[in-house]
PDB file of N, CA and C in Angstrom:
ATOM      1  N   MET A   1       1.099  -1.348  -0.046  1.00  0.00           N
ATOM      2  CA  MET A   1       0.413  -0.298  -0.136  1.00  0.00           C
ATOM      3  C   MET A   1       0.538   1.221   0.435  1.00  0.00           C
ATOM      4  N   GLU A   2       0.262   1.952  -1.136  1.00  0.00           N
ATOM      5  CA  GLU A   2       1.829   3.420  -1.395  1.00  0.00           C
ATOM      6  C   GLU A   2       1.028   4.224  -0.017  1.00  0.00           C
ATOM      7  N   GLU A   3       1.951   4.737   0.606  1.00  0.00           N
ATOM      8  CA  GLU A   3       1.534   6.011   1.928  1.00  0.00           C
ATOM      9  C   GLU A   3       0.727   7.586   0.899  1.00  0.00           C
ATOM     10  N   VAL A   4       0.031   8.319   1.237  1.00  0.00           N
ATOM     11  CA  VAL A   4       0.085   9.400   0.291  1.00  0.00           C
ATOM     12  C   VAL A   4       0.246  10.164   1.614  1.00  0.00           C
ATOM     13  N   GLU A   5       1.457  11.289   1.330  1.00  0.00           N
ATOM     14  CA  GLU A   5       1.855  12.506   2.135  1.00  0.00           C
ATOM     15  C   GLU A   5       1.041  13.148   1.616  1.00  0.00           C
ATOM     16  N   ASP A   6       0.427  14.151   2.419  1.00  0.00           N
ATOM     17  CA  ASP A   6      -0.242  15.318   2.466  1.00  0.00           C
ATOM     18  C   ASP A   6       0.367  16.227   3.096  1.00  0.00           C
ATOM     19  N   LYS A   7       1.041  17.571   1.690  1.00  0.00           N
ATOM     20  CA  LYS A   7       1.702  18.442   1.523  1.00  0.00           C
ATOM     21  C   LYS A   7       1.027  19.803   1.762  1.00  0.00           C
ATOM     22  N   ILE A   8       1.885  20.416   2.859  1.00  0.00           N
ATOM     23  CA  ILE A   8       0.602  22.097   2.806  1.00  0.00           C
ATOM     24  C   ILE A   8       2.094  22.846   1.444  1.00  0.00           C
ATOM     25  N   ILE A   9       0.790  23.733   1.068  1.00  0.00           N
ATOM     26  CA  ILE A   9       1.820  24.407   0.237  1.00  0.00           C
ATOM     27  C   ILE A   9       1.128  26.075   0.531  1.00  0.00           C
ATOM     28  N   VAL A  10       1.339  27.285  -0.163  1.00  0.00           N
ATOM     29  CA  VAL A  10       1.195  28.941  -0.132  1.00  0.00           C
ATOM     30  C   VAL A  10       0.600  28.985  -1.405  1.00  0.00           C
ATOM     31  N   PHE A  11      -0.977  28.796  -0.932  1.00  0.00           N
ATOM     32  CA  PHE A  11      -1.476  29.256  -2.318  1.00  0.00           C
ATOM     33  C   PHE A  11      -1.780  30.682  -3.187  1.00  0.00           C
ATOM     34  N   ASP A  12      -1.745  31.383  -1.755  1.00  0.00           N
ATOM     35  CA  ASP A  12      -1.759  32.733  -2.310  1.00  0.00           C
ATOM     36  C   ASP A  12      -1.110  33.281  -0.843  1.00  0.00           C
ATOM     37  N   ALA A  13      -0.995  35.153  -1.172  1.00  0.00           N
ATOM     38  CA  ALA A  13      -0.190  36.018  -0.193  1.00  0.00           C
ATOM     39  C   ALA A  13      -1.494  37.195   0.008  1.00  0.00           C
ATOM     40  N   TYR A  14      -1.841  37.843   0.703  1.00  0.00           N
ATOM     41  CA  TYR A  14      -2.643  38.618   0.346  1.00  0.00           C
ATOM     42  C   TYR A  14      -1.749  40.124   1.379  1.00  0.00           C
ATOM     43  N   ASP A  15      -2.377  41.298   0.716  1.00  0.00           N
ATOM     44  CA  ASP A  15      -1.935  42.647   1.301  1.00  0.00           C
ATOM     45  C   ASP A  15      -2.567  42.922   2.785  1.00  0.00           C
ATOM     46  N   THR A  16      -3.599  42.232   2.853  1.00  0.00           N
ATOM     47  CA  THR A  16      -4.481  42.503   4.062  1.00  0.00           C
ATOM     48  C   THR A  16      -4.996  41.721   4.570  1.00  0.00           C
ATOM     49  N   VAL A  17      -5.147  41.325   6.436  1.00  0.00           N
ATOM     50  CA  VAL A  17      -5.830  40.277   6.991  1.00  0.00           C
ATOM     51  C   VAL A  17      -7.447  40.504   6.085  1.00  0.00           C
ATOM     52  N   VAL A  18      -8.559  41.157   5.686  1.00  0.00           N
ATOM     53  CA  VAL A  18      -9.454  41.444   5.802  1.00  0.00           C
ATOM     54  C   VAL A  18      -9.429  40.420   3.986  1.00  0.00           C
ATOM     55  N   ALA A  19      -8.739  40.270   3.653  1.00  0.00           N
ATOM     56  CA  ALA A  19      -9.094  40.152   1.919  1.00  0.00           C
ATOM     57  C   ALA A  19      -8.218  38.604   2.193  1.00  0.00           C
ATOM     58  N   ALA A  20      -7.658  38.307   2.851  1.00  0.00           N
ATOM     59  CA  ALA A  20      -6.839  36.723   3.446  1.00  0.00           C
ATOM     60  C   ALA A  20      -8.199  35.929   4.298  1.00  0.00           C
ATOM     61  N   ASN A  21      -8.952  36.703   5.363  1.00  0.00           N
ATOM     62  CA  ASN A  21      -9.808  36.071   5.741  1.00  0.00           C
ATOM     63  C   ASN A  21     -11.266  35.358   4.880  1.00  0.00           C
ATOM     64  N   LEU A  22     -11.301  36.227   3.999  1.00  0.00           N
ATOM     65  CA  LEU A  22     -12.181  36.595   3.101  1.00  0.00           C
ATOM     66  C   LEU A  22     -12.447  35.004   2.162  1.00  0.00           C
ATOM     67  N   ALA A  23     -10.618  34.928   1.887  1.00  0.00           N
ATOM     68  CA  ALA A  23     -10.935  33.459   1.222  1.00  0.00           C
ATOM     69  C   ALA A  23     -10.716  32.321   2.035  1.00  0.00           C
ATOM     70  N   LYS A  24     -10.350  32.625   3.461  1.00  0.00           N
ATOM     71  CA  LYS A  24     -10.022  31.373   3.928  1.00  0.00           C
ATOM     72  C   LYS A  24     -12.034  30.820   4.940  1.00  0.00           C
ATOM     73  N   THR A  25     -12.598  32.100   4.984  1.00  0.00           N
ATOM     74  CA  THR A  25     -14.017  31.618   5.212  1.00  0.00           C
ATOM     75  C   THR A  25     -14.468  31.599   3.853  1.00  0.00           C
ATOM     76  N   LYS A  26     -14.778  31.849   2.832  1.00  0.00           N
ATOM     77  CA  LYS A  26     -15.283  30.656   1.651  1.00  0.00           C
ATOM     78  C   LYS A  26     -14.743  29.266   1.204  1.00  0.00           C
ATOM     79  N   LEU A  27     -13.240  29.229   1.637  1.00  0.00           N
ATOM     80  CA  LEU A  27     -12.553  28.050   1.469  1.00  0.00           C
ATOM     81  C   LEU A  27     -13.685  26.955   2.782  1.00  0.00           C
ATOM     82  N   ASP A  28     -13.853  27.520   4.150  1.00  0.00           N
ATOM     83  CA  ASP A  28     -14.161  27.256   5.058  1.00  0.00           C
ATOM     84  C   ASP A  28     -15.514  26.611   4.525  1.00  0.00           C
ATOM     85  N   ALA A  29     -16.346  27.122   4.029  1.00  0.00           N
ATOM     86  CA  ALA A  29     -17.550  27.199   3.746  1.00  0.00           C
ATOM     87  C   ALA A  29     -17.362  25.745   2.545  1.00  0.00           C
ATOM     88  N   TYR A  30     -16.970  26.119   1.667  1.00  0.00           N
ATOM     89  CA  TYR A  30     -16.730  24.270   0.887  1.00  0.00           C
ATOM     90  C   TYR A  30     -15.984  23.025   1.939  1.00  0.00           C
ATOM     91  N   GLY A  31     -15.714  23.543   2.992  1.00  0.00           N
ATOM     92  CA  GLY A  31     -14.811  22.198   3.351  1.00  0.00           C
ATOM     93  C   GLY A  31     -13.476  22.218   3.446  1.00  0.00           C
ATOM     94  N   ILE A  32     -13.354  22.937   2.853  1.00  0.00           N
ATOM     95  CA  ILE A  32     -11.604  22.410   2.772  1.00  0.00           C
ATOM     96  C   ILE A  32     -10.065  23.395   3.607  1.00  0.00           C
ATOM     97  N   PRO A  33      -9.910  22.289   4.211  1.00  0.00           N
ATOM     98  CA  PRO A  33      -9.174  22.860   5.092  1.00  0.00           C
ATOM     99  C   PRO A  33      -8.351  23.754   5.168  1.00  0.00           C
ATOM    100  N   CYS A  34      -8.010  24.751   5.701  1.00  0.00           N
ATOM    101  CA  CYS A  34      -6.768  25.883   5.248  1.00  0.00           C
ATOM    102  C   CYS A  34      -6.676  26.692   6.628  1.00  0.00           C
ATOM    103  N   PHE A  35      -5.568  27.467   6.652  1.00  0.00           N
ATOM    104  CA  PHE A  35      -4.909  28.154   8.107  1.00  0.00           C
ATOM    105  C   PHE A  35      -4.282  29.333   6.916  1.00  0.00           C
ATOM    106  N   LEU A  36      -4.144  30.908   7.936  1.00  0.00           N
ATOM    107  CA  LEU A  36      -3.331  31.788   7.255  1.00  0.00           C
ATOM    108  C   LEU A  36      -2.114  31.922   8.357  1.00  0.00           C
ATOM    109  N   THR A  37      -1.151  32.117   8.256  1.00  0.00           N
ATOM    110  CA  THR A  37      -0.105  32.835   8.707  1.00  0.00           C
ATOM    111  C   THR A  37       0.650  34.252   8.205  1.00  0.00           C
ATOM    112  N   ASP A  38       1.135  34.997   9.189  1.00  0.00           N
ATOM    113  CA  ASP A  38       1.619  36.521   9.030  1.00  0.00           C
ATOM    114  C   ASP A  38       0.784  37.093   9.323  1.00  0.00           C
ATOM    115  N   GLU A  39      -0.228  36.771   9.950  1.00  0.00           N
ATOM    116  CA  GLU A  39      -1.806  38.600   9.951  1.00  0.00           C
ATOM    117  C   GLU A  39      -1.115  39.336  10.972  1.00  0.00           C
ATOM    118  N   HIS A  40      -0.363  39.037  11.495  1.00  0.00           N
ATOM    119  CA  HIS A  40       0.173  40.656  12.638  1.00  0.00           C
ATOM    120  C   HIS A  40       1.186  41.280  11.941  1.00  0.00           C
ATOM    121  N   ILE A  41       2.099  40.109  11.012  1.00  0.00           N
ATOM    122  CA  ILE A  41       2.856  40.950  10.580  1.00  0.00           C
ATOM    123  C   ILE A  41       2.783  42.063   9.870  1.00  0.00           C
ATOM    124  N   THR A  42       1.569  41.675   8.750  1.00  0.00           N
ATOM    125  CA  THR A  42       0.951  43.115   8.161  1.00  0.00           C
ATOM    126  C   THR A  42       0.670  43.910   8.431  1.00  0.00           C
ATOM    127  N   SER A  43       0.388  44.194   9.567  1.00  0.00           N
ATOM    128  CA  SER A  43       0.226  45.132  10.718  1.00  0.00           C
ATOM    129  C   SER A  43       1.024  45.796  10.976  1.00  0.00           C
ATOM    130  N   LEU A  44       2.250  45.413  11.288  1.00  0.00           N
ATOM    131  CA  LEU A  44       3.643  46.148  11.607  1.00  0.00           C
ATOM    132  C   LEU A  44       3.767  46.828  10.496  1.00  0.00           C
ATOM    133  N   TYR A  45       4.230  45.749   9.144  1.00  0.00           N
ATOM    134  CA  TYR A  45       5.006  46.183   8.050  1.00  0.00           C
ATOM    135  C   TYR A  45       3.981  45.864   7.267  1.00  0.00           C
ATOM    136  N   PRO A  46       3.068  47.007   6.791  1.00  0.00           N
ATOM    137  CA  PRO A  46       1.985  47.042   5.923  1.00  0.00           C
ATOM    138  C   PRO A  46       2.301  47.145   4.515  1.00  0.00           C
ATOM    139  N   ILE A  47       4.077  46.944   3.919  1.00  0.00           N
ATOM    140  CA  ILE A  47       4.322  46.910   2.488  1.00  0.00           C
ATOM    141  C   ILE A  47       4.885  45.652   1.887  1.00  0.00           C
ATOM    142  N   ARG A  48       4.571  45.337   0.973  1.00  0.00           N
ATOM    143  CA  ARG A  48       4.639  43.788   0.809  1.00  0.00           C
ATOM    144  C   ARG A  48       6.253  43.952   0.395  1.00  0.00           C
ATOM    145  N   ASN A  49       7.065  42.702   0.566  1.00  0.00           N
ATOM    146  CA  ASN A  49       8.078  43.017  -0.298  1.00  0.00           C
ATOM    147  C   ASN A  49       8.740  41.446  -0.147  1.00  0.00           C
ATOM    148  N   ASP A  50      10.417  41.173  -0.220  1.00  0.00           N
ATOM    149  CA  ASP A  50      10.624  39.639  -0.212  1.00  0.00           C
ATOM    150  C   ASP A  50      10.558  39.367   1.509  1.00  0.00           C
ATOM    151  N   ILE A  51      11.057  39.851   1.589  1.00  0.00           N
ATOM    152  CA  ILE A  51      11.184  40.256   3.697  1.00  0.00           C
ATOM    153  C   ILE A  51       9.570  39.249   4.020  1.00  0.00           C
ATOM    154  N   PHE A  52       8.833  40.060   3.981  1.00  0.00           N
ATOM    155  CA  PHE A  52       7.369  40.532   4.143  1.00  0.00           C
ATOM    156  C   PHE A  52       6.225  40.419   3.318  1.00  0.00           C
ATOM    157  N   PRO A  53       6.177  38.763   2.354  1.00  0.00           N
ATOM    158  CA  PRO A  53       4.825  38.314   1.435  1.00  0.00           C
ATOM    159  C   PRO A  53       4.103  38.269   1.695  1.00  0.00           C
ATOM    160  N   GLY A  54       2.929  39.240   2.701  1.00  0.00           N
ATOM    161  CA  GLY A  54       1.751  39.432   3.186  1.00  0.00           C
ATOM    162  C   GLY A  54       1.288  38.532   3.935  1.00  0.00           C
ATOM    163  N   VAL A  55      -0.583  37.659   4.187  1.00  0.00           N
ATOM    164  CA  VAL A  55      -0.545  37.206   4.851  1.00  0.00           C
ATOM    165  C   VAL A  55      -0.767  35.697   3.858  1.00  0.00           C
ATOM    166  N   ARG A  56      -0.564  34.830   4.589  1.00  0.00           N
ATOM    167  CA  ARG A  56      -0.433  33.920   3.814  1.00  0.00           C
ATOM    168  C   ARG A  56      -1.437  32.519   3.829  1.00  0.00           C
ATOM    169  N   LEU A  57      -2.066  32.385   3.067  1.00  0.00           N
ATOM    170  CA  LEU A  57      -3.100  31.627   2.691  1.00  0.00           C
ATOM    171  C   LEU A  57      -2.293  29.844   2.495  1.00  0.00           C
ATOM    172  N   HIS A  58      -2.552  28.925   3.572  1.00  0.00           N
ATOM    173  CA  HIS A  58      -1.905  27.851   3.308  1.00  0.00           C
ATOM    174  C   HIS A  58      -3.002  26.410   3.096  1.00  0.00           C
ATOM    175  N   ILE A  59      -2.598  25.908   2.078  1.00  0.00           N
ATOM    176  CA  ILE A  59      -3.594  24.856   1.634  1.00  0.00           C
ATOM    177  C   ILE A  59      -3.130  23.568   1.243  1.00  0.00           C
ATOM    178  N   PHE A  60      -3.521  22.108   1.472  1.00  0.00           N
ATOM    179  CA  PHE A  60      -2.896  21.373   0.817  1.00  0.00           C
ATOM    180  C   PHE A  60      -2.810  21.178  -0.489  1.00  0.00           C
ATOM    181  N   GLU A  61      -2.031  20.859  -1.032  1.00  0.00           N
ATOM    182  CA  GLU A  61      -1.503  20.487  -2.563  1.00  0.00           C
ATOM    183  C   GLU A  61      -2.897  19.628  -2.879  1.00  0.00           C
ATOM    184  N   GLN A  62      -3.582  18.682  -2.279  1.00  0.00           N
ATOM    185  CA  GLN A  62      -4.237  17.588  -3.607  1.00  0.00           C
ATOM    186  C   GLN A  62      -5.517  18.478  -3.324  1.00  0.00           C
ATOM    187  N   ASP A  63      -5.613  20.217  -2.579  1.00  0.00           N
ATOM    188  CA  ASP A  63      -6.802  20.944  -3.113  1.00  0.00           C
ATOM    189  C   ASP A  63      -6.949  21.788  -4.057  1.00  0.00           C
ATOM    190  N   LEU A  64      -5.313  21.996  -4.446  1.00  0.00           N
ATOM    191  CA  LEU A  64      -5.184  22.914  -5.388  1.00  0.00           C
ATOM    192  C   LEU A  64      -6.054  22.965  -6.249  1.00  0.00           C
ATOM    193  N   LEU A  65      -6.355  22.519  -7.627  1.00  0.00           N
ATOM    194  CA  LEU A  65      -7.177  22.710  -8.630  1.00  0.00           C
ATOM    195  C   LEU A  65      -8.908  23.225  -7.736  1.00  0.00           C
ATOM    196  N   ARG A  66      -8.967  22.412  -6.793  1.00  0.00           N
ATOM    197  CA  ARG A  66     -10.471  22.775  -6.540  1.00  0.00           C
ATOM    198  C   ARG A  66     -10.130  24.480  -5.829  1.00  0.00           C
ATOM    199  N   VAL A  67      -9.410  24.810  -4.747  1.00  0.00           N
ATOM    200  CA  VAL A  67      -9.497  25.980  -4.890  1.00  0.00           C
ATOM    201  C   VAL A  67      -9.598  27.055  -5.767  1.00  0.00           C
ATOM    202  N   LYS A  68      -8.108  26.868  -6.532  1.00  0.00           N
ATOM    203  CA  LYS A  68      -8.293  27.970  -7.784  1.00  0.00           C
ATOM    204  C   LYS A  68      -9.851  27.864  -8.388  1.00  0.00           C
ATOM    205  N   GLU A  69     -10.413  26.947  -8.137  1.00  0.00           N
ATOM    206  CA  GLU A  69     -11.730  27.208  -9.323  1.00  0.00           C
ATOM    207  C   GLU A  69     -12.613  27.991  -8.595  1.00  0.00           C
ATOM    208  N   ILE A  70     -12.708  27.585  -6.575  1.00  0.00           N
ATOM    209  CA  ILE A  70     -13.457  28.084  -5.872  1.00  0.00           C
ATOM    210  C   ILE A  70     -13.393  29.818  -6.072  1.00  0.00           C
ATOM    211  N   LEU A  71     -12.037  30.644  -5.702  1.00  0.00           N
ATOM    212  CA  LEU A  71     -11.344  31.573  -5.016  1.00  0.00           C
ATOM    213  C   LEU A  71     -11.195  31.885  -7.118  1.00  0.00           C
ATOM    214  N   LYS A  72     -11.583  31.639  -7.895  1.00  0.00           N
ATOM    215  CA  LYS A  72     -11.097  32.231  -8.679  1.00  0.00           C
ATOM    216  C   LYS A  72     -12.268  33.625  -9.328  1.00  0.00           C
ATOM    217  N   ASP A  73     -13.140  34.190  -8.589  1.00  0.00           N
ATOM    218  CA  ASP A  73     -13.695  35.160  -8.911  1.00  0.00           C
ATOM    219  C   ASP A  73     -13.124  36.048  -7.870  1.00  0.00           C
TER     220      ASP A  73
END
């Protein structure tokens, strides 16, 4: 039996906590597990750059196509 690894990836990074939470809430409504990181850093450093990429939305890699479809709008 082959073991399936549930790899977690960063789907996208958002400029604001509000935009990130809207995406997360939508995925939660569809039953897709996800979480956010760096929510508080964006309030300290509101400008996105290479060091502070914004609020990041993490998903399981296996959900990538479904997440793209849900969040395309």
